[in-house]
Amino acid sequence: MCLNSSEMRPEHITMTIALIAKNQAGRDMVLPFIIHNLSEFLKSIDAREIPYMLGSISSYMTSYEQLLQITPLLAYEEEAIVLAAQKMKTKVTNNIQFIRDNYPYVKTWLRQSGYTNYL
C-alpha cells in the first residue's frame, strides 16, 4: 500500500484501511501493518484521523489474540494514539464479552451463515 500522501489523498488512506479491516481476509493483516508503519502514517495523515482508522478496525476484532495486538499502541508516545488504543481495547473487550454472553445465538448464526470453521 502506498502511504505517500503525494500519491494518495490522506482521507483515502484512512478509508482504505477501514475497508481492509472490514474484509475477512484483510482483518488480521491490517493492525500489524499499521503498527509497523505508524510513523509513516503520521507523516501522511492528520493525527486526528488515527482514532477513526483504529476505531474502524476494532469494530471487527473479536478474539483475545486480536486484543493482544493492541498492546504496542498503548505504549506509543503520541497521546492521541494511546487514547485511541485504549478505546480500541475497550471496544474489543466488549465485543469478546458480547460473544461470550450470546454464544448459543452466535453459534447458531455462524452455522446458518455457513461459517462453521469459526465455531
N, C-alpha and C. Protein backbone atom coordinates (compact mmCIF):
# COMPACT_ATOMS: atom_id res chain seq x y z
N MET A 1 0.83 -1.18 0.00
CA MET A 1 0.00 0.00 0.00
C MET A 1 0.87 1.24 0.00
N CYS A 2 0.46 2.22 -0.72
CA CYS A 2 1.20 3.47 -0.80
C CYS A 2 0.78 4.39 0.35
N LEU A 3 1.73 4.80 1.16
CA LEU A 3 1.43 5.72 2.25
C LEU A 3 1.90 7.13 1.95
N ASN A 4 2.43 7.34 0.78
CA ASN A 4 2.94 8.65 0.39
C ASN A 4 1.74 9.55 0.07
N SER A 5 1.57 10.61 0.85
CA SER A 5 0.40 11.46 0.66
C SER A 5 0.46 12.25 -0.63
N SER A 6 1.61 12.29 -1.30
CA SER A 6 1.67 12.95 -2.60
C SER A 6 1.09 12.03 -3.68
N GLU A 7 0.98 10.74 -3.39
CA GLU A 7 0.43 9.79 -4.34
C GLU A 7 -0.98 9.33 -3.99
N MET A 8 -1.36 9.49 -2.74
CA MET A 8 -2.68 9.06 -2.29
C MET A 8 -3.21 10.09 -1.31
N ARG A 9 -4.43 10.52 -1.51
CA ARG A 9 -5.01 11.52 -0.63
C ARG A 9 -5.16 10.96 0.78
N PRO A 10 -4.84 11.76 1.79
CA PRO A 10 -4.90 11.27 3.18
C PRO A 10 -6.23 10.65 3.57
N GLU A 11 -7.36 11.25 3.15
CA GLU A 11 -8.65 10.69 3.53
C GLU A 11 -8.89 9.33 2.86
N HIS A 12 -8.22 9.09 1.74
CA HIS A 12 -8.35 7.79 1.09
C HIS A 12 -7.52 6.73 1.81
N ILE A 13 -6.47 7.13 2.45
CA ILE A 13 -5.65 6.18 3.22
C ILE A 13 -6.50 5.62 4.36
N THR A 14 -7.15 6.49 5.13
CA THR A 14 -7.93 6.01 6.26
C THR A 14 -9.13 5.18 5.80
N MET A 15 -9.76 5.57 4.71
CA MET A 15 -10.90 4.80 4.19
C MET A 15 -10.44 3.43 3.68
N THR A 16 -9.30 3.39 3.03
CA THR A 16 -8.77 2.12 2.53
C THR A 16 -8.49 1.17 3.70
N ILE A 17 -7.89 1.68 4.76
CA ILE A 17 -7.61 0.87 5.94
C ILE A 17 -8.92 0.35 6.54
N ALA A 18 -9.93 1.22 6.63
CA ALA A 18 -11.23 0.80 7.18
C ALA A 18 -11.84 -0.32 6.35
N LEU A 19 -11.73 -0.21 5.03
CA LEU A 19 -12.30 -1.25 4.16
C LEU A 19 -11.52 -2.56 4.25
N ILE A 20 -10.22 -2.46 4.40
CA ILE A 20 -9.41 -3.67 4.57
C ILE A 20 -9.80 -4.36 5.88
N ALA A 21 -10.01 -3.57 6.94
CA ALA A 21 -10.39 -4.13 8.23
C ALA A 21 -11.76 -4.81 8.16
N LYS A 22 -12.63 -4.30 7.31
CA LYS A 22 -13.96 -4.87 7.17
C LYS A 22 -13.93 -6.22 6.45
N ASN A 23 -12.92 -6.42 5.62
CA ASN A 23 -12.80 -7.64 4.83
C ASN A 23 -12.18 -8.74 5.67
N GLN A 24 -12.79 -9.90 5.64
CA GLN A 24 -12.32 -11.03 6.44
C GLN A 24 -10.86 -11.38 6.15
N ALA A 25 -10.47 -11.34 4.90
CA ALA A 25 -9.10 -11.70 4.53
C ALA A 25 -8.09 -10.67 5.00
N GLY A 26 -8.46 -9.40 5.04
CA GLY A 26 -7.53 -8.35 5.41
C GLY A 26 -7.48 -8.03 6.88
N ARG A 27 -8.48 -8.46 7.60
CA ARG A 27 -8.65 -8.10 9.00
C ARG A 27 -7.43 -8.41 9.86
N ASP A 28 -6.86 -9.59 9.69
CA ASP A 28 -5.73 -9.99 10.54
C ASP A 28 -4.42 -9.32 10.15
N MET A 29 -4.38 -8.74 8.96
CA MET A 29 -3.14 -8.11 8.50
C MET A 29 -3.09 -6.61 8.80
N VAL A 30 -4.24 -5.98 8.93
CA VAL A 30 -4.28 -4.53 8.93
C VAL A 30 -3.66 -3.90 10.18
N LEU A 31 -3.94 -4.40 11.36
CA LEU A 31 -3.38 -3.79 12.56
C LEU A 31 -1.86 -3.97 12.64
N PRO A 32 -1.31 -5.16 12.40
CA PRO A 32 0.15 -5.27 12.38
C PRO A 32 0.79 -4.33 11.34
N PHE A 33 0.12 -4.17 10.19
CA PHE A 33 0.62 -3.26 9.16
C PHE A 33 0.65 -1.82 9.68
N ILE A 34 -0.41 -1.40 10.35
CA ILE A 34 -0.47 -0.04 10.90
C ILE A 34 0.60 0.16 11.96
N ILE A 35 0.72 -0.80 12.87
CA ILE A 35 1.72 -0.67 13.94
C ILE A 35 3.12 -0.59 13.35
N HIS A 36 3.40 -1.42 12.37
CA HIS A 36 4.73 -1.43 11.74
C HIS A 36 5.02 -0.12 11.00
N ASN A 37 3.99 0.49 10.44
CA ASN A 37 4.16 1.69 9.61
C ASN A 37 3.59 2.95 10.25
N LEU A 38 3.43 2.96 11.56
CA LEU A 38 2.74 4.07 12.22
C LEU A 38 3.44 5.40 12.00
N SER A 39 4.74 5.42 12.02
CA SER A 39 5.45 6.69 11.79
C SER A 39 5.19 7.22 10.39
N GLU A 40 5.06 6.32 9.41
CA GLU A 40 4.73 6.74 8.04
C GLU A 40 3.30 7.25 7.95
N PHE A 41 2.40 6.59 8.68
CA PHE A 41 1.02 7.08 8.71
C PHE A 41 0.96 8.49 9.25
N LEU A 42 1.70 8.74 10.31
CA LEU A 42 1.67 10.07 10.93
C LEU A 42 2.27 11.14 10.03
N LYS A 43 3.14 10.76 9.11
CA LYS A 43 3.67 11.71 8.13
C LYS A 43 2.65 11.99 7.03
N SER A 44 1.80 11.01 6.75
CA SER A 44 0.89 11.08 5.62
C SER A 44 -0.50 11.60 5.95
N ILE A 45 -0.94 11.35 7.17
CA ILE A 45 -2.30 11.77 7.52
C ILE A 45 -2.29 12.58 8.81
N ASP A 46 -3.33 13.33 9.02
CA ASP A 46 -3.50 14.11 10.23
C ASP A 46 -3.68 13.15 11.40
N ALA A 47 -3.03 13.42 12.51
CA ALA A 47 -3.11 12.56 13.69
C ALA A 47 -4.56 12.40 14.17
N ARG A 48 -5.41 13.38 13.85
CA ARG A 48 -6.81 13.28 14.25
C ARG A 48 -7.55 12.19 13.49
N GLU A 49 -6.99 11.70 12.39
CA GLU A 49 -7.60 10.61 11.62
C GLU A 49 -7.30 9.24 12.23
N ILE A 50 -6.27 9.17 13.05
CA ILE A 50 -5.86 7.88 13.63
C ILE A 50 -6.98 7.25 14.45
N PRO A 51 -7.67 7.99 15.34
CA PRO A 51 -8.75 7.35 16.10
C PRO A 51 -9.84 6.75 15.21
N TYR A 52 -10.21 7.45 14.14
CA TYR A 52 -11.20 6.90 13.21
C TYR A 52 -10.70 5.60 12.60
N MET A 53 -9.45 5.64 12.16
CA MET A 53 -8.88 4.48 11.50
C MET A 53 -8.81 3.29 12.46
N LEU A 54 -8.33 3.52 13.67
CA LEU A 54 -8.23 2.44 14.65
C LEU A 54 -9.60 1.97 15.11
N GLY A 55 -10.53 2.91 15.24
CA GLY A 55 -11.89 2.55 15.63
C GLY A 55 -12.56 1.66 14.60
N SER A 56 -12.32 1.95 13.33
CA SER A 56 -12.93 1.12 12.29
C SER A 56 -12.37 -0.29 12.31
N ILE A 57 -11.14 -0.43 12.72
CA ILE A 57 -10.54 -1.77 12.82
C ILE A 57 -11.11 -2.53 14.00
N SER A 58 -11.23 -1.88 15.14
CA SER A 58 -11.67 -2.57 16.36
C SER A 58 -13.10 -3.06 16.28
N SER A 59 -13.90 -2.48 15.40
CA SER A 59 -15.29 -2.93 15.24
C SER A 59 -15.37 -4.40 14.86
N TYR A 60 -14.34 -4.89 14.19
CA TYR A 60 -14.35 -6.26 13.66
C TYR A 60 -13.45 -7.21 14.46
N MET A 61 -12.88 -6.72 15.53
CA MET A 61 -11.97 -7.56 16.32
C MET A 61 -12.77 -8.27 17.41
N THR A 62 -12.63 -9.60 17.48
CA THR A 62 -13.46 -10.38 18.41
C THR A 62 -12.69 -11.49 19.14
N SER A 63 -11.37 -11.42 19.16
CA SER A 63 -10.62 -12.50 19.81
C SER A 63 -9.56 -11.94 20.76
N TYR A 64 -9.15 -12.78 21.69
CA TYR A 64 -8.09 -12.39 22.62
C TYR A 64 -6.77 -12.14 21.89
N GLU A 65 -6.52 -12.90 20.84
CA GLU A 65 -5.30 -12.71 20.05
C GLU A 65 -5.29 -11.31 19.43
N GLN A 66 -6.43 -10.90 18.92
CA GLN A 66 -6.52 -9.56 18.33
C GLN A 66 -6.41 -8.49 19.41
N LEU A 67 -6.95 -8.76 20.57
CA LEU A 67 -6.84 -7.82 21.69
C LEU A 67 -5.38 -7.59 22.05
N LEU A 68 -4.58 -8.65 22.03
CA LEU A 68 -3.16 -8.53 22.36
C LEU A 68 -2.40 -7.69 21.33
N GLN A 69 -2.89 -7.64 20.09
CA GLN A 69 -2.22 -6.86 19.05
C GLN A 69 -2.25 -5.36 19.35
N ILE A 70 -3.17 -4.93 20.19
CA ILE A 70 -3.33 -3.52 20.52
C ILE A 70 -2.22 -3.03 21.45
N THR A 71 -1.61 -3.92 22.21
CA THR A 71 -0.64 -3.58 23.25
C THR A 71 0.45 -2.60 22.80
N PRO A 72 1.09 -2.78 21.63
CA PRO A 72 2.13 -1.82 21.24
C PRO A 72 1.62 -0.37 21.10
N LEU A 73 0.36 -0.22 20.73
CA LEU A 73 -0.19 1.12 20.59
C LEU A 73 -0.37 1.81 21.94
N LEU A 74 -0.59 1.03 22.99
CA LEU A 74 -0.78 1.60 24.32
C LEU A 74 0.51 2.22 24.86
N ALA A 75 1.64 1.82 24.31
CA ALA A 75 2.94 2.34 24.75
C ALA A 75 3.47 3.44 23.85
N TYR A 76 2.70 3.85 22.86
CA TYR A 76 3.16 4.85 21.90
C TYR A 76 3.27 6.22 22.57
N GLU A 77 4.19 7.05 22.07
CA GLU A 77 4.42 8.34 22.73
C GLU A 77 3.38 9.41 22.40
N GLU A 78 2.63 9.24 21.35
CA GLU A 78 1.62 10.23 20.95
C GLU A 78 0.32 9.96 21.71
N GLU A 79 -0.14 10.98 22.44
CA GLU A 79 -1.31 10.82 23.31
C GLU A 79 -2.57 10.41 22.53
N ALA A 80 -2.77 10.98 21.36
CA ALA A 80 -3.97 10.65 20.56
C ALA A 80 -4.00 9.17 20.21
N ILE A 81 -2.85 8.60 19.95
CA ILE A 81 -2.77 7.17 19.61
C ILE A 81 -3.05 6.31 20.83
N VAL A 82 -2.50 6.70 21.97
CA VAL A 82 -2.73 5.95 23.21
C VAL A 82 -4.22 5.98 23.57
N LEU A 83 -4.84 7.14 23.46
CA LEU A 83 -6.27 7.26 23.76
C LEU A 83 -7.10 6.40 22.80
N ALA A 84 -6.75 6.44 21.53
CA ALA A 84 -7.45 5.62 20.54
C ALA A 84 -7.25 4.13 20.84
N ALA A 85 -6.05 3.76 21.25
CA ALA A 85 -5.77 2.36 21.58
C ALA A 85 -6.56 1.92 22.81
N GLN A 86 -6.70 2.81 23.78
CA GLN A 86 -7.49 2.49 24.96
C GLN A 86 -8.96 2.27 24.58
N LYS A 87 -9.47 3.10 23.68
CA LYS A 87 -10.84 2.92 23.20
C LYS A 87 -10.98 1.61 22.43
N MET A 88 -9.95 1.30 21.63
CA MET A 88 -9.94 0.03 20.91
C MET A 88 -10.00 -1.14 21.87
N LYS A 89 -9.18 -1.08 22.90
CA LYS A 89 -9.13 -2.16 23.89
C LYS A 89 -10.50 -2.37 24.53
N THR A 90 -11.15 -1.27 24.90
CA THR A 90 -12.48 -1.36 25.50
C THR A 90 -13.48 -1.96 24.51
N LYS A 91 -13.43 -1.50 23.27
CA LYS A 91 -14.37 -1.98 22.25
C LYS A 91 -14.18 -3.47 21.99
N VAL A 92 -12.94 -3.90 21.85
CA VAL A 92 -12.66 -5.32 21.57
C VAL A 92 -13.05 -6.18 22.78
N THR A 93 -12.76 -5.70 23.98
CA THR A 93 -13.16 -6.41 25.20
C THR A 93 -14.68 -6.56 25.24
N ASN A 94 -15.39 -5.51 24.88
CA ASN A 94 -16.86 -5.58 24.83
C ASN A 94 -17.34 -6.55 23.75
N ASN A 95 -16.67 -6.55 22.60
CA ASN A 95 -17.02 -7.49 21.53
C ASN A 95 -16.86 -8.94 22.00
N ILE A 96 -15.75 -9.20 22.67
CA ILE A 96 -15.48 -10.54 23.18
C ILE A 96 -16.53 -10.94 24.21
N GLN A 97 -16.86 -10.02 25.11
CA GLN A 97 -17.86 -10.31 26.13
C GLN A 97 -19.23 -10.55 25.52
N PHE A 98 -19.58 -9.79 24.50
CA PHE A 98 -20.86 -9.99 23.81
C PHE A 98 -20.94 -11.39 23.24
N ILE A 99 -19.87 -11.83 22.60
CA ILE A 99 -19.86 -13.17 22.01
C ILE A 99 -19.97 -14.23 23.11
N ARG A 100 -19.28 -14.03 24.21
CA ARG A 100 -19.36 -15.00 25.32
C ARG A 100 -20.77 -15.05 25.90
N ASP A 101 -21.37 -13.86 26.09
CA ASP A 101 -22.71 -13.80 26.68
C ASP A 101 -23.78 -14.37 25.76
N ASN A 102 -23.54 -14.30 24.47
CA ASN A 102 -24.55 -14.70 23.48
C ASN A 102 -24.08 -15.86 22.61
N TYR A 103 -23.17 -16.67 23.14
CA TYR A 103 -22.55 -17.69 22.31
C TYR A 103 -23.55 -18.65 21.66
N PRO A 104 -24.59 -19.11 22.34
CA PRO A 104 -25.53 -20.01 21.65
C PRO A 104 -26.14 -19.36 20.41
N TYR A 105 -26.48 -18.10 20.50
CA TYR A 105 -27.06 -17.40 19.35
C TYR A 105 -26.01 -17.15 18.26
N VAL A 106 -24.82 -16.78 18.70
CA VAL A 106 -23.73 -16.55 17.74
C VAL A 106 -23.40 -17.84 17.02
N LYS A 107 -23.35 -18.94 17.76
CA LYS A 107 -23.05 -20.25 17.18
C LYS A 107 -24.11 -20.64 16.13
N THR A 108 -25.38 -20.42 16.47
CA THR A 108 -26.46 -20.71 15.52
C THR A 108 -26.34 -19.85 14.27
N TRP A 109 -26.05 -18.57 14.47
CA TRP A 109 -25.91 -17.65 13.33
C TRP A 109 -24.73 -18.06 12.45
N LEU A 110 -23.61 -18.43 13.07
CA LEU A 110 -22.45 -18.86 12.29
C LEU A 110 -22.77 -20.09 11.46
N ARG A 111 -23.47 -21.06 12.06
CA ARG A 111 -23.84 -22.28 11.33
C ARG A 111 -24.78 -21.95 10.18
N GLN A 112 -25.79 -21.13 10.44
CA GLN A 112 -26.77 -20.79 9.41
C GLN A 112 -26.15 -19.96 8.28
N SER A 113 -25.10 -19.24 8.60
CA SER A 113 -24.45 -18.37 7.60
C SER A 113 -23.31 -19.07 6.87
N GLY A 114 -23.04 -20.32 7.24
CA GLY A 114 -22.00 -21.08 6.55
C GLY A 114 -20.60 -20.84 7.06
N TYR A 115 -20.48 -20.32 8.30
CA TYR A 115 -19.17 -20.03 8.87
C TYR A 115 -18.80 -21.07 9.93
N THR A 116 -19.01 -22.34 9.64
CA THR A 116 -18.77 -23.37 10.64
C THR A 116 -17.30 -23.49 11.04
N ASN A 117 -16.39 -23.01 10.21
CA ASN A 117 -14.97 -23.08 10.57
C ASN A 117 -14.61 -22.07 11.67
N TYR A 118 -15.55 -21.20 12.06
CA TYR A 118 -15.30 -20.24 13.14
C TYR A 118 -15.87 -20.68 14.48
N LEU A 119 -16.43 -21.89 14.53
CA LEU A 119 -17.02 -22.37 15.79
C LEU A 119 -15.99 -22.92 16.73
